[in-house]
Amino acid sequence: MNVLTNHLKQARRRTNLSVKDMAFILQMDSSNLSKYELRKLYPTLRVALCYHILSKTPLEKFFIQELVESGDSLVERIKMLLEQIDTEDSSHKNLIRSESLGTLLSDLTKIDLTENGSHE
C-alpha cells in the first residue's frame, strides 16, 4: 500500500469519521476525497493540512515521498555547489559559503527521512 494512502486513510479513521463525513467537513466531494486516500488523485495542501489538524497526524507523514526526494535533491545540489565553489577563488566570501553549505550538508545527512524515522 502506498505510504500516502496509508496515512490519509489512517488519519481519517483515527477521527472516527467516514469519507462522507470528512468530505462534508472539508467542503468537497466524497468521491474526490476517496480518490485522494486511494492516491488516484494527489491531495492538495489544503486537504493535507485539514487531515493534519483534525487527526493530529504530523504533516510530513502525508508527504514522506516528497520529503525523501527533496532531501536527496538538496544533498545532490549542495554537493554540486560545493564542487563549483572549490574551482573558484578562495576568497573570504567563498570560504563562508563553503562552510555554510558544509553545515547544511552535515545537517541534512543526520535527518532520517524514512517513514518511521525521526527528523533529528
C-alpha atoms as a PDB file:
ATOM      1  CA  MET A   1       0.000   0.000   0.000  1.00  0.00           C
ATOM      2  CA  ASN A   2       1.227   3.456  -0.835  1.00  0.00           C
ATOM      3  CA  VAL A   3       2.590   5.394   2.141  1.00  0.00           C
ATOM      4  CA  LEU A   4       0.464   8.469   1.461  1.00  0.00           C
ATOM      5  CA  THR A   5      -2.685   6.398   1.014  1.00  0.00           C
ATOM      6  CA  ASN A   6      -1.988   4.578   4.237  1.00  0.00           C
ATOM      7  CA  HIS A   7      -1.508   7.771   6.242  1.00  0.00           C
ATOM      8  CA  LEU A   8      -4.502   9.661   4.860  1.00  0.00           C
ATOM      9  CA  LYS A   9      -6.832   6.758   5.476  1.00  0.00           C
ATOM     10  CA  GLN A  10      -5.364   6.044   8.924  1.00  0.00           C
ATOM     11  CA  ALA A  11      -5.630   9.711   9.864  1.00  0.00           C
ATOM     12  CA  ARG A  12      -9.287   9.850   8.886  1.00  0.00           C
ATOM     13  CA  ARG A  13     -10.041   6.606  10.706  1.00  0.00           C
ATOM     14  CA  ARG A  14      -8.448   7.990  13.887  1.00  0.00           C
ATOM     15  CA  THR A  15     -11.071  10.730  13.792  1.00  0.00           C
ATOM     16  CA  ASN A  16     -13.817   8.067  13.557  1.00  0.00           C
ATOM     17  CA  LEU A  17     -15.209   9.858  10.511  1.00  0.00           C
ATOM     18  CA  SER A  18     -16.437   8.290   7.312  1.00  0.00           C
ATOM     19  CA  VAL A  19     -15.200   9.527   3.956  1.00  0.00           C
ATOM     20  CA  LYS A  20     -18.574  11.206   3.518  1.00  0.00           C
ATOM     21  CA  ASP A  21     -18.287  12.981   6.898  1.00  0.00           C
ATOM     22  CA  MET A  22     -14.735  14.133   6.208  1.00  0.00           C
ATOM     23  CA  ALA A  23     -15.719  15.356   2.745  1.00  0.00           C
ATOM     24  CA  PHE A  24     -18.576  17.373   4.212  1.00  0.00           C
ATOM     25  CA  ILE A  25     -16.282  18.984   6.782  1.00  0.00           C
ATOM     26  CA  LEU A  26     -13.715  19.773   4.076  1.00  0.00           C
ATOM     27  CA  GLN A  27     -16.441  21.088   1.746  1.00  0.00           C
ATOM     28  CA  MET A  28     -15.586  18.727  -1.053  1.00  0.00           C
ATOM     29  CA  ASP A  29     -16.982  15.802  -2.980  1.00  0.00           C
ATOM     30  CA  SER A  30     -16.591  12.470  -1.170  1.00  0.00           C
ATOM     31  CA  SER A  31     -15.565  10.689  -4.370  1.00  0.00           C
ATOM     32  CA  ASN A  32     -12.599  13.061  -4.763  1.00  0.00           C
ATOM     33  CA  LEU A  33     -11.633  12.585  -1.134  1.00  0.00           C
ATOM     34  CA  SER A  34     -11.768   8.844  -1.620  1.00  0.00           C
ATOM     35  CA  LYS A  35      -9.522   9.227  -4.671  1.00  0.00           C
ATOM     36  CA  TYR A  36      -7.016  11.112  -2.505  1.00  0.00           C
ATOM     37  CA  GLU A  37      -6.991   8.282   0.008  1.00  0.00           C
ATOM     38  CA  LEU A  38      -6.515   5.760  -2.797  1.00  0.00           C
ATOM     39  CA  ARG A  39      -3.922   8.044  -4.428  1.00  0.00           C
ATOM     40  CA  LYS A  40      -5.812   8.199  -7.671  1.00  0.00           C
ATOM     41  CA  LEU A  41      -5.582  11.959  -7.195  1.00  0.00           C
ATOM     42  CA  TYR A  42      -2.838  13.760  -5.336  1.00  0.00           C
ATOM     43  CA  PRO A  43      -4.248  15.674  -2.351  1.00  0.00           C
ATOM     44  CA  THR A  44      -3.999  19.420  -2.227  1.00  0.00           C
ATOM     45  CA  LEU A  45      -2.032  21.099   0.518  1.00  0.00           C
ATOM     46  CA  ARG A  46      -5.347  22.264   1.988  1.00  0.00           C
ATOM     47  CA  VAL A  47      -6.604  18.671   2.264  1.00  0.00           C
ATOM     48  CA  ALA A  48      -3.357  17.514   3.872  1.00  0.00           C
ATOM     49  CA  LEU A  49      -3.456  20.436   6.316  1.00  0.00           C
ATOM     50  CA  CYS A  50      -7.054  19.648   7.253  1.00  0.00           C
ATOM     51  CA  TYR A  51      -6.219  15.973   7.840  1.00  0.00           C
ATOM     52  CA  HIS A  52      -3.264  17.116   9.934  1.00  0.00           C
ATOM     53  CA  ILE A  53      -5.404  19.456  12.044  1.00  0.00           C
ATOM     54  CA  LEU A  54      -8.257  17.011  12.540  1.00  0.00           C
ATOM     55  CA  SER A  55      -6.209  13.871  13.190  1.00  0.00           C
ATOM     56  CA  LYS A  56      -3.109  15.424  14.777  1.00  0.00           C
ATOM     57  CA  THR A  57      -1.006  13.394  12.335  1.00  0.00           C
ATOM     58  CA  PRO A  58       2.359  15.054  11.653  1.00  0.00           C
ATOM     59  CA  LEU A  59       2.084  16.845   8.330  1.00  0.00           C
ATOM     60  CA  GLU A  60       5.277  15.284   6.993  1.00  0.00           C
ATOM     61  CA  LYS A  61       3.643  11.831   7.205  1.00  0.00           C
ATOM     62  CA  PHE A  62       1.438  12.839   4.287  1.00  0.00           C
ATOM     63  CA  PHE A  63       4.428  13.865   2.174  1.00  0.00           C
ATOM     64  CA  ILE A  64       7.092  11.309   3.070  1.00  0.00           C
ATOM     65  CA  GLN A  65       7.936  10.516  -0.553  1.00  0.00           C
ATOM     66  CA  GLU A  66       8.323  14.205  -1.350  1.00  0.00           C
ATOM     67  CA  LEU A  67      10.450  14.706   1.767  1.00  0.00           C
ATOM     68  CA  VAL A  68      12.800  11.904   0.764  1.00  0.00           C
ATOM     69  CA  GLU A  69      13.058  13.127  -2.828  1.00  0.00           C
ATOM     70  CA  SER A  70      13.565  16.735  -1.714  1.00  0.00           C
ATOM     71  CA  GLY A  71      16.217  15.734   0.804  1.00  0.00           C
ATOM     72  CA  ASP A  72      18.082  13.697  -1.801  1.00  0.00           C
ATOM     73  CA  SER A  73      17.885  16.556  -4.280  1.00  0.00           C
ATOM     74  CA  LEU A  74      19.123  19.083  -1.720  1.00  0.00           C
ATOM     75  CA  VAL A  75      22.116  16.906  -0.839  1.00  0.00           C
ATOM     76  CA  GLU A  76      22.976  16.448  -4.511  1.00  0.00           C
ATOM     77  CA  ARG A  77      22.671  20.158  -5.334  1.00  0.00           C
ATOM     78  CA  ILE A  78      24.684  21.239  -2.285  1.00  0.00           C
ATOM     79  CA  LYS A  79      27.468  18.834  -3.270  1.00  0.00           C
ATOM     80  CA  MET A  80      27.437  20.248  -6.797  1.00  0.00           C
ATOM     81  CA  LEU A  81      27.629  23.796  -5.478  1.00  0.00           C
ATOM     82  CA  LEU A  82      30.494  22.875  -3.155  1.00  0.00           C
ATOM     83  CA  GLU A  83      32.391  21.425  -6.122  1.00  0.00           C
ATOM     84  CA  GLN A  84      31.732  24.603  -8.081  1.00  0.00           C
ATOM     85  CA  ILE A  85      32.974  26.787  -5.224  1.00  0.00           C
ATOM     86  CA  ASP A  86      36.126  24.649  -4.985  1.00  0.00           C
ATOM     87  CA  THR A  87      37.012  25.662  -8.548  1.00  0.00           C
ATOM     88  CA  GLU A  88      36.581  29.361  -7.765  1.00  0.00           C
ATOM     89  CA  ASP A  89      38.962  31.639  -5.912  1.00  0.00           C
ATOM     90  CA  SER A  90      39.432  31.087  -2.197  1.00  0.00           C
ATOM     91  CA  SER A  91      38.030  34.453  -1.189  1.00  0.00           C
ATOM     92  CA  HIS A  92      36.634  35.052   2.271  1.00  0.00           C
ATOM     93  CA  LYS A  93      33.130  35.098   0.797  1.00  0.00           C
ATOM     94  CA  ASN A  94      33.616  31.675  -0.826  1.00  0.00           C
ATOM     95  CA  LEU A  95      35.066  30.233   2.375  1.00  0.00           C
ATOM     96  CA  ILE A  96      31.966  31.372   4.277  1.00  0.00           C
ATOM     97  CA  ARG A  97      29.704  29.958   1.548  1.00  0.00           C
ATOM     98  CA  SER A  98      31.577  26.662   1.653  1.00  0.00           C
ATOM     99  CA  GLU A  99      31.362  26.440   5.452  1.00  0.00           C
ATOM    100  CA  SER A 100      27.639  27.227   5.412  1.00  0.00           C
ATOM    101  CA  LEU A 101      26.969  24.644   2.721  1.00  0.00           C
ATOM    102  CA  GLY A 102      29.065  22.089   4.604  1.00  0.00           C
ATOM    103  CA  THR A 103      26.967  22.681   7.716  1.00  0.00           C
ATOM    104  CA  LEU A 104      23.737  22.320   5.736  1.00  0.00           C
ATOM    105  CA  LEU A 105      25.022  19.111   4.162  1.00  0.00           C
ATOM    106  CA  SER A 106      26.023  17.726   7.542  1.00  0.00           C
ATOM    107  CA  ASP A 107      22.619  18.585   8.998  1.00  0.00           C
ATOM    108  CA  LEU A 108      20.793  17.007   6.056  1.00  0.00           C
ATOM    109  CA  THR A 109      22.715  13.748   6.346  1.00  0.00           C
ATOM    110  CA  LYS A 110      21.686  13.481  10.021  1.00  0.00           C
ATOM    111  CA  ILE A 111      17.980  13.637   9.195  1.00  0.00           C
ATOM    112  CA  ASP A 112      16.215  10.301   8.777  1.00  0.00           C
ATOM    113  CA  LEU A 113      13.524  10.889   6.175  1.00  0.00           C
ATOM    114  CA  THR A 114      12.268   7.334   6.090  1.00  0.00           C
ATOM    115  CA  GLU A 115       8.669   6.629   7.020  1.00  0.00           C
ATOM    116  CA  ASN A 116       9.493   5.506  10.544  1.00  0.00           C
ATOM    117  CA  GLY A 117      12.433   7.820  11.066  1.00  0.00           C
ATOM    118  CA  SER A 118      12.673  10.803  13.275  1.00  0.00           C
ATOM    119  CA  HIS A 119      13.645  14.143  11.897  1.00  0.00           C
ATOM    120  CA  GLU A 120      16.702  14.690  14.056  1.00  0.00           C
END
